[in-house]
Amino acid sequence: DGFGFADTRAAARRFFLVDAESIVVATLQTLAKDGKYDAGAAAQAFERYRLGDPTSVAGVAQEGAGA
């Protein structure tokens, strides 16, 4: 890709926060910011889907993770 980033597509989507879970959580966070959704529930969703960890993509072998 010319940028030195090589991983599975699912892991790349998670890394750049453009996978389905990331988009849903971003939507919940925006609604919470606007006062239309509970901020605590949005934070729980962030933790539940482990969005801070790009290696947390379920069922996907990560590059360099070993055999």
N, C-alpha and C. Protein backbone atom coordinates (compact mmCIF):
# COMPACT_ATOMS: atom_id res chain seq x y z
N ASP A 1 0.81 -1.19 0.00
CA ASP A 1 0.00 0.00 0.00
C ASP A 1 0.86 1.26 0.00
N GLY A 2 2.15 1.12 0.10
CA GLY A 2 3.03 2.28 0.06
C GLY A 2 3.20 2.99 1.39
N PHE A 3 2.45 2.59 2.41
CA PHE A 3 2.52 3.25 3.70
C PHE A 3 3.12 2.36 4.78
N GLY A 4 3.54 1.15 4.42
CA GLY A 4 4.15 0.26 5.39
C GLY A 4 3.17 -0.43 6.30
N PHE A 5 1.90 -0.42 5.98
CA PHE A 5 0.88 -1.06 6.81
C PHE A 5 0.41 -2.31 6.09
N ALA A 6 0.63 -3.46 6.70
CA ALA A 6 0.20 -4.72 6.09
C ALA A 6 -0.48 -5.56 7.16
N ASP A 7 -1.74 -5.85 6.97
CA ASP A 7 -2.48 -6.70 7.90
C ASP A 7 -3.72 -7.19 7.16
N THR A 8 -4.52 -7.98 7.84
CA THR A 8 -5.75 -8.45 7.22
C THR A 8 -6.70 -7.27 7.03
N ARG A 9 -7.63 -7.42 6.12
CA ARG A 9 -8.59 -6.34 5.88
C ARG A 9 -9.40 -6.04 7.14
N ALA A 10 -9.83 -7.09 7.83
CA ALA A 10 -10.61 -6.87 9.05
C ALA A 10 -9.80 -6.12 10.10
N ALA A 11 -8.53 -6.49 10.24
CA ALA A 11 -7.68 -5.80 11.22
C ALA A 11 -7.43 -4.36 10.80
N ALA A 12 -7.27 -4.12 9.50
CA ALA A 12 -7.07 -2.75 9.02
C ALA A 12 -8.31 -1.91 9.27
N ARG A 13 -9.48 -2.49 9.03
CA ARG A 13 -10.72 -1.75 9.30
C ARG A 13 -10.82 -1.39 10.77
N ARG A 14 -10.46 -2.33 11.65
CA ARG A 14 -10.50 -2.04 13.09
C ARG A 14 -9.48 -0.97 13.44
N PHE A 15 -8.26 -1.08 12.89
CA PHE A 15 -7.19 -0.13 13.18
C PHE A 15 -7.63 1.29 12.84
N PHE A 16 -8.29 1.45 11.70
CA PHE A 16 -8.74 2.78 11.26
C PHE A 16 -10.15 3.12 11.74
N LEU A 17 -10.72 2.23 12.57
CA LEU A 17 -12.05 2.42 13.18
C LEU A 17 -13.14 2.65 12.14
N VAL A 18 -13.11 1.83 11.08
CA VAL A 18 -14.15 1.91 10.06
C VAL A 18 -14.88 0.57 9.90
N ASP A 19 -14.71 -0.34 10.87
CA ASP A 19 -15.48 -1.58 10.85
C ASP A 19 -16.86 -1.31 11.42
N ALA A 20 -17.75 -2.27 11.30
CA ALA A 20 -19.14 -2.07 11.71
C ALA A 20 -19.26 -1.66 13.17
N GLU A 21 -18.54 -2.35 14.05
CA GLU A 21 -18.63 -2.03 15.49
C GLU A 21 -18.15 -0.61 15.77
N SER A 22 -17.08 -0.21 15.12
CA SER A 22 -16.54 1.14 15.33
C SER A 22 -17.52 2.21 14.88
N ILE A 23 -18.19 1.97 13.77
CA ILE A 23 -19.15 2.95 13.26
C ILE A 23 -20.35 3.06 14.19
N VAL A 24 -20.82 1.93 14.69
CA VAL A 24 -21.94 1.96 15.63
C VAL A 24 -21.55 2.70 16.90
N VAL A 25 -20.38 2.40 17.45
CA VAL A 25 -19.95 3.07 18.68
C VAL A 25 -19.75 4.56 18.44
N ALA A 26 -19.20 4.95 17.30
CA ALA A 26 -19.04 6.37 16.99
C ALA A 26 -20.39 7.06 16.93
N THR A 27 -21.38 6.38 16.37
CA THR A 27 -22.73 6.94 16.31
C THR A 27 -23.30 7.11 17.71
N LEU A 28 -23.13 6.09 18.56
CA LEU A 28 -23.61 6.18 19.94
C LEU A 28 -22.92 7.31 20.69
N GLN A 29 -21.61 7.47 20.47
CA GLN A 29 -20.88 8.54 21.14
C GLN A 29 -21.37 9.91 20.68
N THR A 30 -21.67 10.05 19.41
CA THR A 30 -22.20 11.32 18.90
C THR A 30 -23.57 11.61 19.48
N LEU A 31 -24.42 10.59 19.54
CA LEU A 31 -25.74 10.77 20.15
C LEU A 31 -25.61 11.14 21.62
N ALA A 32 -24.66 10.52 22.32
CA ALA A 32 -24.44 10.84 23.73
C ALA A 32 -23.96 12.28 23.88
N LYS A 33 -23.08 12.71 23.00
CA LYS A 33 -22.59 14.09 23.04
C LYS A 33 -23.73 15.09 22.85
N ASP A 34 -24.70 14.71 22.02
CA ASP A 34 -25.87 15.56 21.77
C ASP A 34 -26.95 15.40 22.83
N GLY A 35 -26.70 14.54 23.83
CA GLY A 35 -27.67 14.34 24.90
C GLY A 35 -28.82 13.43 24.53
N LYS A 36 -28.69 12.66 23.46
CA LYS A 36 -29.78 11.80 23.00
C LYS A 36 -29.54 10.33 23.32
N TYR A 37 -28.43 10.03 23.99
CA TYR A 37 -28.10 8.65 24.35
C TYR A 37 -27.24 8.70 25.60
N ASP A 38 -27.30 7.63 26.37
CA ASP A 38 -26.54 7.55 27.62
C ASP A 38 -25.05 7.41 27.33
N ALA A 39 -24.25 8.34 27.82
CA ALA A 39 -22.80 8.31 27.60
C ALA A 39 -22.16 7.07 28.20
N GLY A 40 -22.68 6.61 29.33
CA GLY A 40 -22.14 5.41 29.96
C GLY A 40 -22.34 4.18 29.09
N ALA A 41 -23.48 4.10 28.44
CA ALA A 41 -23.76 2.96 27.56
C ALA A 41 -22.84 3.00 26.33
N ALA A 42 -22.57 4.19 25.82
CA ALA A 42 -21.65 4.31 24.69
C ALA A 42 -20.25 3.88 25.10
N ALA A 43 -19.83 4.25 26.29
CA ALA A 43 -18.52 3.84 26.80
C ALA A 43 -18.46 2.33 26.99
N GLN A 44 -19.55 1.74 27.46
CA GLN A 44 -19.60 0.29 27.62
C GLN A 44 -19.47 -0.41 26.27
N ALA A 45 -20.10 0.12 25.25
CA ALA A 45 -20.00 -0.46 23.91
C ALA A 45 -18.55 -0.39 23.41
N PHE A 46 -17.89 0.73 23.67
CA PHE A 46 -16.48 0.88 23.28
C PHE A 46 -15.64 -0.20 23.94
N GLU A 47 -15.85 -0.41 25.22
CA GLU A 47 -15.10 -1.44 25.95
C GLU A 47 -15.49 -2.85 25.49
N ARG A 48 -16.77 -3.08 25.31
CA ARG A 48 -17.24 -4.42 24.91
C ARG A 48 -16.60 -4.88 23.61
N TYR A 49 -16.51 -3.97 22.64
CA TYR A 49 -15.95 -4.33 21.34
C TYR A 49 -14.44 -4.09 21.27
N ARG A 50 -13.84 -3.68 22.37
CA ARG A 50 -12.38 -3.50 22.48
C ARG A 50 -11.84 -2.66 21.32
N LEU A 51 -12.44 -1.52 21.09
CA LEU A 51 -12.06 -0.69 19.96
C LEU A 51 -10.68 -0.08 20.10
N GLY A 52 -10.16 -0.03 21.30
CA GLY A 52 -8.81 0.49 21.50
C GLY A 52 -7.73 -0.53 21.16
N ASP A 53 -8.14 -1.74 20.79
CA ASP A 53 -7.20 -2.83 20.50
C ASP A 53 -7.43 -3.35 19.08
N PRO A 54 -6.60 -2.94 18.11
CA PRO A 54 -6.81 -3.38 16.74
C PRO A 54 -6.63 -4.88 16.55
N THR A 55 -6.06 -5.57 17.52
CA THR A 55 -5.89 -7.02 17.40
C THR A 55 -7.09 -7.78 17.93
N SER A 56 -8.13 -7.08 18.32
CA SER A 56 -9.29 -7.72 18.93
C SER A 56 -10.34 -8.19 17.93
N VAL A 57 -10.06 -8.11 16.65
CA VAL A 57 -11.02 -8.53 15.64
C VAL A 57 -11.26 -10.02 15.80
N ALA A 58 -12.49 -10.40 16.08
CA ALA A 58 -12.83 -11.80 16.36
C ALA A 58 -12.63 -12.68 15.13
N GLY A 59 -11.99 -13.82 15.36
CA GLY A 59 -11.86 -14.82 14.32
C GLY A 59 -10.91 -14.50 13.19
N VAL A 60 -10.03 -13.53 13.39
CA VAL A 60 -9.10 -13.14 12.34
C VAL A 60 -7.67 -13.29 12.86
N ALA A 61 -6.86 -14.06 12.15
CA ALA A 61 -5.46 -14.20 12.51
C ALA A 61 -4.73 -12.91 12.16
N GLN A 62 -3.97 -12.39 13.09
CA GLN A 62 -3.26 -11.14 12.89
C GLN A 62 -1.89 -11.40 12.28
N GLU A 63 -1.40 -10.46 11.49
CA GLU A 63 -0.06 -10.56 10.93
C GLU A 63 0.95 -10.62 12.06
N GLY A 64 1.91 -11.52 11.97
CA GLY A 64 2.97 -11.61 12.96
C GLY A 64 2.55 -12.21 14.28
N ALA A 65 1.34 -12.76 14.36
CA ALA A 65 0.84 -13.30 15.62
C ALA A 65 1.36 -14.71 15.88
N GLY A 66 2.08 -15.29 14.94
CA GLY A 66 2.59 -16.65 15.12
C GLY A 66 1.59 -17.67 14.63
N ALA A 67 2.01 -18.93 14.69
CA ALA A 67 1.15 -20.00 14.18
C ALA A 67 0.15 -20.47 15.19
